[in-house]
């Protein structure tokens, strides 16, 4: 059985209410610039992301420490200050 015959057999088995979804997917596949399931060609040298971001990101010294919980009165003050 050829691929077209197999596709026709599978198409005949699809219920009518799913045909529009199937057509939409088939159009997507025909317009897709990259074959799905196949790796893309490399686009050049891989970039060193940590080196690109060096000096642009700051992390506080106490980043891993647990945050202090604020009380209800402090929360009320913050809400009032925000407007």
PDB file of N, CA and C in Angstrom:
ATOM      1  N   UNK A   1       0.849  -1.165   0.000  1.00  0.00           N
ATOM      2  CA  UNK A   1       0.000   0.000   0.000  1.00  0.00           C
ATOM      3  C   UNK A   1       0.904   1.242   0.000  1.00  0.00           C
ATOM      4  N   UNK A   2       0.664   2.163  -0.901  1.00  0.00           N
ATOM      5  CA  UNK A   2       1.458   3.389  -0.963  1.00  0.00           C
ATOM      6  C   UNK A   2       1.034   4.338   0.154  1.00  0.00           C
ATOM      7  N   UNK A   3       1.842   5.367   0.373  1.00  0.00           N
ATOM      8  CA  UNK A   3       1.508   6.342   1.411  1.00  0.00           C
ATOM      9  C   UNK A   3       0.212   7.071   1.089  1.00  0.00           C
ATOM     10  N   UNK A   4      -0.009   7.382  -0.180  1.00  0.00           N
ATOM     11  CA  UNK A   4      -1.248   8.072  -0.566  1.00  0.00           C
ATOM     12  C   UNK A   4      -2.463   7.176  -0.330  1.00  0.00           C
ATOM     13  N   UNK A   5      -2.337   5.911  -0.638  1.00  0.00           N
ATOM     14  CA  UNK A   5      -3.445   4.977  -0.399  1.00  0.00           C
ATOM     15  C   UNK A   5      -3.719   4.862   1.098  1.00  0.00           C
ATOM     16  N   UNK A   6      -2.648   4.797   1.881  1.00  0.00           N
ATOM     17  CA  UNK A   6      -2.805   4.710   3.329  1.00  0.00           C
ATOM     18  C   UNK A   6      -3.441   5.986   3.872  1.00  0.00           C
ATOM     19  N   UNK A   7      -3.024   7.143   3.327  1.00  0.00           N
ATOM     20  CA  UNK A   7      -3.615   8.416   3.752  1.00  0.00           C
ATOM     21  C   UNK A   7      -5.098   8.476   3.392  1.00  0.00           C
ATOM     22  N   UNK A   8      -5.452   8.001   2.212  1.00  0.00           N
ATOM     23  CA  UNK A   8      -6.855   7.987   1.800  1.00  0.00           C
ATOM     24  C   UNK A   8      -7.672   7.070   2.701  1.00  0.00           C
ATOM     25  N   UNK A   9      -7.105   5.921   3.045  1.00  0.00           N
ATOM     26  CA  UNK A   9      -7.783   4.982   3.934  1.00  0.00           C
ATOM     27  C   UNK A   9      -8.016   5.628   5.305  1.00  0.00           C
ATOM     28  N   UNK A  10      -6.981   6.329   5.817  1.00  0.00           N
ATOM     29  CA  UNK A  10      -7.105   6.999   7.114  1.00  0.00           C
ATOM     30  C   UNK A  10      -8.110   8.148   7.024  1.00  0.00           C
ATOM     31  N   UNK A  11      -8.121   8.870   5.896  1.00  0.00           N
ATOM     32  CA  UNK A  11      -9.058   9.978   5.705  1.00  0.00           C
ATOM     33  C   UNK A  11     -10.498   9.472   5.692  1.00  0.00           C
ATOM     34  N   UNK A  12     -10.728   8.349   5.065  1.00  0.00           N
ATOM     35  CA  UNK A  12     -12.070   7.779   5.022  1.00  0.00           C
ATOM     36  C   UNK A  12     -12.567   7.373   6.411  1.00  0.00           C
ATOM     37  N   UNK A  13     -11.642   7.105   7.333  1.00  0.00           N
ATOM     38  CA  UNK A  13     -12.012   6.673   8.679  1.00  0.00           C
ATOM     39  C   UNK A  13     -12.295   7.852   9.615  1.00  0.00           C
ATOM     40  N   UNK A  14     -11.958   9.084   9.195  1.00  0.00           N
ATOM     41  CA  UNK A  14     -12.152  10.260  10.055  1.00  0.00           C
ATOM     42  C   UNK A  14     -13.622  10.660  10.045  1.00  0.00           C
ATOM     43  N   UNK A  15     -14.215  10.843  11.228  1.00  0.00           N
ATOM     44  CA  UNK A  15     -15.613  11.278  11.281  1.00  0.00           C
ATOM     45  C   UNK A  15     -15.769  12.689  10.694  1.00  0.00           C
ATOM     46  N   UNK A  16     -16.932  12.975  10.149  1.00  0.00           N
ATOM     47  CA  UNK A  16     -17.178  14.257   9.491  1.00  0.00           C
ATOM     48  C   UNK A  16     -16.936  15.457  10.411  1.00  0.00           C
ATOM     49  N   UNK A  17     -17.281  15.331  11.688  1.00  0.00           N
ATOM     50  CA  UNK A  17     -17.138  16.476  12.580  1.00  0.00           C
ATOM     51  C   UNK A  17     -15.678  16.819  12.866  1.00  0.00           C
ATOM     52  N   UNK A  18     -14.734  15.942  12.507  1.00  0.00           N
ATOM     53  CA  UNK A  18     -13.312  16.223  12.724  1.00  0.00           C
ATOM     54  C   UNK A  18     -12.592  16.625  11.430  1.00  0.00           C
ATOM     55  N   UNK A  19     -13.304  16.654  10.319  1.00  0.00           N
ATOM     56  CA  UNK A  19     -12.653  16.951   9.042  1.00  0.00           C
ATOM     57  C   UNK A  19     -12.084  18.361   8.982  1.00  0.00           C
ATOM     58  N   UNK A  20     -12.785  19.351   9.525  1.00  0.00           N
ATOM     59  CA  UNK A  20     -12.264  20.719   9.460  1.00  0.00           C
ATOM     60  C   UNK A  20     -10.968  20.841  10.257  1.00  0.00           C
ATOM     61  N   UNK A  21     -10.896  20.174  11.390  1.00  0.00           N
ATOM     62  CA  UNK A  21      -9.665  20.187  12.183  1.00  0.00           C
ATOM     63  C   UNK A  21      -8.531  19.503  11.422  1.00  0.00           C
ATOM     64  N   UNK A  22      -8.843  18.407  10.761  1.00  0.00           N
ATOM     65  CA  UNK A  22      -7.847  17.687   9.978  1.00  0.00           C
ATOM     66  C   UNK A  22      -7.337  18.546   8.818  1.00  0.00           C
ATOM     67  N   UNK A  23      -8.238  19.228   8.141  1.00  0.00           N
ATOM     68  CA  UNK A  23      -7.839  20.097   7.028  1.00  0.00           C
ATOM     69  C   UNK A  23      -6.952  21.223   7.531  1.00  0.00           C
ATOM     70  N   UNK A  24      -7.305  21.808   8.666  1.00  0.00           N
ATOM     71  CA  UNK A  24      -6.492  22.879   9.249  1.00  0.00           C
ATOM     72  C   UNK A  24      -5.087  22.358   9.539  1.00  0.00           C
ATOM     73  N   UNK A  25      -4.963  21.173  10.110  1.00  0.00           N
ATOM     74  CA  UNK A  25      -3.666  20.594  10.435  1.00  0.00           C
ATOM     75  C   UNK A  25      -2.876  20.274   9.166  1.00  0.00           C
ATOM     76  N   UNK A  26      -3.541  19.783   8.145  1.00  0.00           N
ATOM     77  CA  UNK A  26      -2.858  19.467   6.889  1.00  0.00           C
ATOM     78  C   UNK A  26      -2.312  20.740   6.244  1.00  0.00           C
ATOM     79  N   UNK A  27      -3.071  21.836   6.316  1.00  0.00           N
ATOM     80  CA  UNK A  27      -2.583  23.117   5.779  1.00  0.00           C
ATOM     81  C   UNK A  27      -1.371  23.594   6.569  1.00  0.00           C
ATOM     82  N   UNK A  28      -1.422  23.421   7.883  1.00  0.00           N
ATOM     83  CA  UNK A  28      -0.285  23.790   8.726  1.00  0.00           C
ATOM     84  C   UNK A  28       0.958  23.009   8.315  1.00  0.00           C
ATOM     85  N   UNK A  29       0.796  21.698   8.130  1.00  0.00           N
ATOM     86  CA  UNK A  29       1.936  20.869   7.757  1.00  0.00           C
ATOM     87  C   UNK A  29       2.505  21.255   6.395  1.00  0.00           C
ATOM     88  N   UNK A  30       1.635  21.598   5.456  1.00  0.00           N
ATOM     89  CA  UNK A  30       2.126  21.938   4.122  1.00  0.00           C
ATOM     90  C   UNK A  30       2.837  23.289   4.105  1.00  0.00           C
ATOM     91  N   UNK A  31       2.495  24.183   5.047  1.00  0.00           N
ATOM     92  CA  UNK A  31       3.118  25.501   5.096  1.00  0.00           C
ATOM     93  C   UNK A  31       4.277  25.579   6.075  1.00  0.00           C
ATOM     94  N   UNK A  32       4.478  24.532   6.865  1.00  0.00           N
ATOM     95  CA  UNK A  32       5.528  24.518   7.878  1.00  0.00           C
ATOM     96  C   UNK A  32       6.900  24.528   7.193  1.00  0.00           C
ATOM     97  N   UNK A  33       7.758  25.513   7.515  1.00  0.00           N
ATOM     98  CA  UNK A  33       9.048  25.600   6.831  1.00  0.00           C
ATOM     99  C   UNK A  33      10.033  24.503   7.230  1.00  0.00           C
ATOM    100  N   UNK A  34       9.840  23.915   8.389  1.00  0.00           N
ATOM    101  CA  UNK A  34      10.745  22.880   8.875  1.00  0.00           C
ATOM    102  C   UNK A  34       9.969  21.583   9.002  1.00  0.00           C
ATOM    103  N   UNK A  35      10.552  20.505   8.539  1.00  0.00           N
ATOM    104  CA  UNK A  35       9.901  19.204   8.677  1.00  0.00           C
ATOM    105  C   UNK A  35       9.831  18.849  10.154  1.00  0.00           C
ATOM    106  N   UNK A  36       8.636  18.567  10.640  1.00  0.00           N
ATOM    107  CA  UNK A  36       8.465  18.232  12.043  1.00  0.00           C
ATOM    108  C   UNK A  36       9.158  16.919  12.353  1.00  0.00           C
ATOM    109  N   UNK A  37       9.795  16.865  13.505  1.00  0.00           N
ATOM    110  CA  UNK A  37      10.462  15.645  13.918  1.00  0.00           C
ATOM    111  C   UNK A  37      11.879  15.526  13.397  1.00  0.00           C
ATOM    112  N   UNK A  38      12.326  16.471  12.575  1.00  0.00           N
ATOM    113  CA  UNK A  38      13.682  16.438  12.068  1.00  0.00           C
ATOM    114  C   UNK A  38      14.439  17.636  12.640  1.00  0.00           C
ATOM    115  N   UNK A  39      15.683  17.418  13.031  1.00  0.00           N
ATOM    116  CA  UNK A  39      16.429  18.533  13.627  1.00  0.00           C
ATOM    117  C   UNK A  39      16.708  19.628  12.604  1.00  0.00           C
ATOM    118  N   UNK A  40      16.711  20.864  13.082  1.00  0.00           N
ATOM    119  CA  UNK A  40      17.043  21.986  12.219  1.00  0.00           C
ATOM    120  C   UNK A  40      18.552  22.016  11.994  1.00  0.00           C
ATOM    121  N   UNK A  41      18.950  22.662  10.927  1.00  0.00           N
ATOM    122  CA  UNK A  41      20.366  22.834  10.658  1.00  0.00           C
ATOM    123  C   UNK A  41      20.936  23.822  11.674  1.00  0.00           C
ATOM    124  N   UNK A  42      22.149  23.597  12.118  1.00  0.00           N
ATOM    125  CA  UNK A  42      22.752  24.555  13.043  1.00  0.00           C
ATOM    126  C   UNK A  42      22.856  25.932  12.396  1.00  0.00           C
ATOM    127  N   UNK A  43      22.643  26.962  13.182  1.00  0.00           N
ATOM    128  CA  UNK A  43      22.639  28.322  12.660  1.00  0.00           C
ATOM    129  C   UNK A  43      23.958  29.045  12.896  1.00  0.00           C
ATOM    130  N   UNK A  44      24.992  28.353  13.129  1.00  0.00           N
ATOM    131  CA  UNK A  44      26.274  28.996  13.386  1.00  0.00           C
ATOM    132  C   UNK A  44      26.823  28.540  14.724  1.00  0.00           C
ATOM    133  N   UNK A  45      27.745  29.312  15.255  1.00  0.00           N
ATOM    134  CA  UNK A  45      28.368  28.953  16.530  1.00  0.00           C
ATOM    135  C   UNK A  45      27.360  29.067  17.672  1.00  0.00           C
ATOM    136  N   UNK A  46      27.375  28.102  18.598  1.00  0.00           N
ATOM    137  CA  UNK A  46      26.520  28.254  19.776  1.00  0.00           C
ATOM    138  C   UNK A  46      27.048  29.409  20.624  1.00  0.00           C
ATOM    139  N   UNK A  47      26.140  30.145  21.207  1.00  0.00           N
ATOM    140  CA  UNK A  47      26.539  31.297  22.012  1.00  0.00           C
ATOM    141  C   UNK A  47      26.739  30.898  23.463  1.00  0.00           C
ATOM    142  N   UNK A  48      27.647  31.561  24.095  1.00  0.00           N
ATOM    143  CA  UNK A  48      27.925  31.338  25.513  1.00  0.00           C
ATOM    144  C   UNK A  48      27.022  32.270  26.313  1.00  0.00           C
ATOM    145  N   UNK A  49      25.846  31.786  26.692  1.00  0.00           N
ATOM    146  CA  UNK A  49      24.851  32.615  27.363  1.00  0.00           C
ATOM    147  C   UNK A  49      25.364  33.239  28.660  1.00  0.00           C
ATOM    148  N   UNK A  50      26.029  32.484  29.536  1.00  0.00           N
ATOM    149  CA  UNK A  50      26.535  33.140  30.748  1.00  0.00           C
ATOM    150  C   UNK A  50      27.478  34.302  30.425  1.00  0.00           C
ATOM    151  N   UNK A  51      28.298  34.159  29.402  1.00  0.00           N
ATOM    152  CA  UNK A  51      29.216  35.240  29.034  1.00  0.00           C
ATOM    153  C   UNK A  51      28.446  36.440  28.492  1.00  0.00           C
ATOM    154  N   UNK A  52      27.368  36.189  27.759  1.00  0.00           N
ATOM    155  CA  UNK A  52      26.570  37.293  27.225  1.00  0.00           C
ATOM    156  C   UNK A  52      25.898  38.091  28.333  1.00  0.00           C
ATOM    157  N   UNK A  53      25.526  37.416  29.418  1.00  0.00           N
ATOM    158  CA  UNK A  53      24.798  38.066  30.499  1.00  0.00           C
ATOM    159  C   UNK A  53      25.698  38.560  31.624  1.00  0.00           C
ATOM    160  N   UNK A  54      26.980  38.259  31.553  1.00  0.00           N
ATOM    161  CA  UNK A  54      27.898  38.645  32.621  1.00  0.00           C
ATOM    162  C   UNK A  54      27.869  40.165  32.803  1.00  0.00           C
ATOM    163  N   UNK A  55      27.680  40.598  34.049  1.00  0.00           N
ATOM    164  CA  UNK A  55      27.658  42.015  34.358  1.00  0.00           C
ATOM    165  C   UNK A  55      26.297  42.668  34.155  1.00  0.00           C
ATOM    166  N   UNK A  56      25.315  41.942  33.620  1.00  0.00           N
ATOM    167  CA  UNK A  56      23.998  42.521  33.362  1.00  0.00           C
ATOM    168  C   UNK A  56      22.946  42.075  34.373  1.00  0.00           C
ATOM    169  N   UNK A  57      23.285  41.080  35.162  1.00  0.00           N
ATOM    170  CA  UNK A  57      22.343  40.549  36.139  1.00  0.00           C
ATOM    171  C   UNK A  57      22.956  40.661  37.525  1.00  0.00           C
ATOM    172  N   UNK A  58      22.156  41.106  38.475  1.00  0.00           N
ATOM    173  CA  UNK A  58      22.622  41.231  39.840  1.00  0.00           C
ATOM    174  C   UNK A  58      21.724  40.378  40.723  1.00  0.00           C
ATOM    175  N   UNK A  59      22.321  39.627  41.626  1.00  0.00           N
ATOM    176  CA  UNK A  59      21.581  38.805  42.581  1.00  0.00           C
ATOM    177  C   UNK A  59      22.014  39.223  43.980  1.00  0.00           C
ATOM    178  N   UNK A  60      21.054  39.481  44.832  1.00  0.00           N
ATOM    179  CA  UNK A  60      21.356  39.896  46.205  1.00  0.00           C
ATOM    180  C   UNK A  60      22.108  38.806  46.946  1.00  0.00           C
ATOM    181  N   UNK A  61      22.943  39.215  47.881  1.00  0.00           N
ATOM    182  CA  UNK A  61      23.720  38.251  48.661  1.00  0.00           C
ATOM    183  C   UNK A  61      22.829  37.314  49.469  1.00  0.00           C
ATOM    184  N   UNK A  62      21.670  37.810  49.904  1.00  0.00           N
ATOM    185  CA  UNK A  62      20.771  36.997  50.718  1.00  0.00           C
ATOM    186  C   UNK A  62      19.657  36.345  49.887  1.00  0.00           C
ATOM    187  N   UNK A  63      19.909  36.123  48.617  1.00  0.00           N
ATOM    188  CA  UNK A  63      18.892  35.583  47.707  1.00  0.00           C
ATOM    189  C   UNK A  63      18.323  34.252  48.204  1.00  0.00           C
ATOM    190  N   UNK A  64      19.165  33.395  48.736  1.00  0.00           N
ATOM    191  CA  UNK A  64      18.726  32.065  49.177  1.00  0.00           C
ATOM    192  C   UNK A  64      18.140  32.053  50.590  1.00  0.00           C
ATOM    193  N   UNK A  65      18.208  33.168  51.281  1.00  0.00           N
ATOM    194  CA  UNK A  65      17.665  33.242  52.632  1.00  0.00           C
ATOM    195  C   UNK A  65      16.142  33.333  52.576  1.00  0.00           C
ATOM    196  N   UNK A  66      15.441  32.810  53.586  1.00  0.00           N
ATOM    197  CA  UNK A  66      13.978  32.918  53.592  1.00  0.00           C
ATOM    198  C   UNK A  66      13.554  34.382  53.743  1.00  0.00           C
ATOM    199  N   UNK A  67      12.482  34.712  53.100  1.00  0.00           N
ATOM    200  CA  UNK A  67      11.974  36.082  53.156  1.00  0.00           C
ATOM    201  C   UNK A  67      11.254  36.300  54.486  1.00  0.00           C
ATOM    202  N   UNK A  68      11.325  37.529  54.969  1.00  0.00           N
ATOM    203  CA  UNK A  68      10.611  37.864  56.191  1.00  0.00           C
ATOM    204  C   UNK A  68       9.144  38.069  55.863  1.00  0.00           C
ATOM    205  N   UNK A  69       8.299  37.566  56.714  1.00  0.00           N
ATOM    206  CA  UNK A  69       6.873  37.757  56.525  1.00  0.00           C
ATOM    207  C   UNK A  69       6.479  39.106  57.108  1.00  0.00           C
ATOM    208  N   UNK A  70       5.613  39.819  56.434  1.00  0.00           N
ATOM    209  CA  UNK A  70       5.158  41.100  56.960  1.00  0.00           C
ATOM    210  C   UNK A  70       3.842  40.889  57.695  1.00  0.00           C
ATOM    211  N   UNK A  71       3.646  41.706  58.676  1.00  0.00           N
ATOM    212  CA  UNK A  71       2.442  41.606  59.485  1.00  0.00           C
ATOM    213  C   UNK A  71       1.260  42.281  58.819  1.00  0.00           C
ATOM    214  N   UNK A  72       0.100  42.105  59.415  1.00  0.00           N
ATOM    215  CA  UNK A  72      -1.142  42.670  58.875  1.00  0.00           C
ATOM    216  C   UNK A  72      -1.095  44.186  58.871  1.00  0.00           C
ATOM    217  N   UNK A  73      -0.535  44.801  59.913  1.00  0.00           N
ATOM    218  CA  UNK A  73      -0.477  46.265  59.968  1.00  0.00           C
ATOM    219  C   UNK A  73       0.454  46.819  58.885  1.00  0.00           C
ATOM    220  N   UNK A  74       1.585  46.145  58.652  1.00  0.00           N
ATOM    221  CA  UNK A  74       2.495  46.592  57.598  1.00  0.00           C
ATOM    222  C   UNK A  74       1.851  46.449  56.231  1.00  0.00           C
ATOM    223  N   UNK A  75       1.089  45.387  56.044  1.00  0.00           N
ATOM    224  CA  UNK A  75       0.393  45.170  54.782  1.00  0.00           C
ATOM    225  C   UNK A  75      -0.648  46.269  54.564  1.00  0.00           C
ATOM    226  N   UNK A  76      -1.356  46.642  55.609  1.00  0.00           N
ATOM    227  CA  UNK A  76      -2.347  47.708  55.526  1.00  0.00           C
ATOM    228  C   UNK A  76      -1.674  49.030  55.144  1.00  0.00           C
ATOM    229  N   UNK A  77      -0.526  49.315  55.737  1.00  0.00           N
ATOM    230  CA  UNK A  77       0.205  50.541  55.412  1.00  0.00           C
ATOM    231  C   UNK A  77       0.635  50.554  53.945  1.00  0.00           C
ATOM    232  N   UNK A  78       1.104  49.436  53.458  1.00  0.00           N
ATOM    233  CA  UNK A  78       1.510  49.336  52.054  1.00  0.00           C
ATOM    234  C   UNK A  78       0.325  49.572  51.122  1.00  0.00           C
ATOM    235  N   UNK A  79      -0.818  49.022  51.485  1.00  0.00           N
ATOM    236  CA  UNK A  79      -2.009  49.211  50.656  1.00  0.00           C
ATOM    237  C   UNK A  79      -2.461  50.669  50.654  1.00  0.00           C
ATOM    238  N   UNK A  80      -2.395  51.306  51.820  1.00  0.00           N
ATOM    239  CA  UNK A  80      -2.775  52.710  51.904  1.00  0.00           C
ATOM    240  C   UNK A  80      -1.810  53.590  51.112  1.00  0.00           C
ATOM    241  N   UNK A  81      -0.533  53.270  51.174  1.00  0.00           N
ATOM    242  CA  UNK A  81       0.474  54.054  50.453  1.00  0.00           C
ATOM    243  C   UNK A  81       0.314  53.893  48.934  1.00  0.00           C
ATOM    244  N   UNK A  82      -0.150  52.709  48.520  1.00  0.00           N
ATOM    245  CA  UNK A  82      -0.331  52.458  47.089  1.00  0.00           C
ATOM    246  C   UNK A  82      -1.552  53.181  46.549  1.00  0.00           C
ATOM    247  N   UNK A  83      -2.439  53.599  47.409  1.00  0.00           N
ATOM    248  CA  UNK A  83      -3.562  54.384  46.929  1.00  0.00           C
ATOM    249  C   UNK A  83      -4.828  53.691  47.138  1.00  0.00           C
TER     250      UNK A  83
END
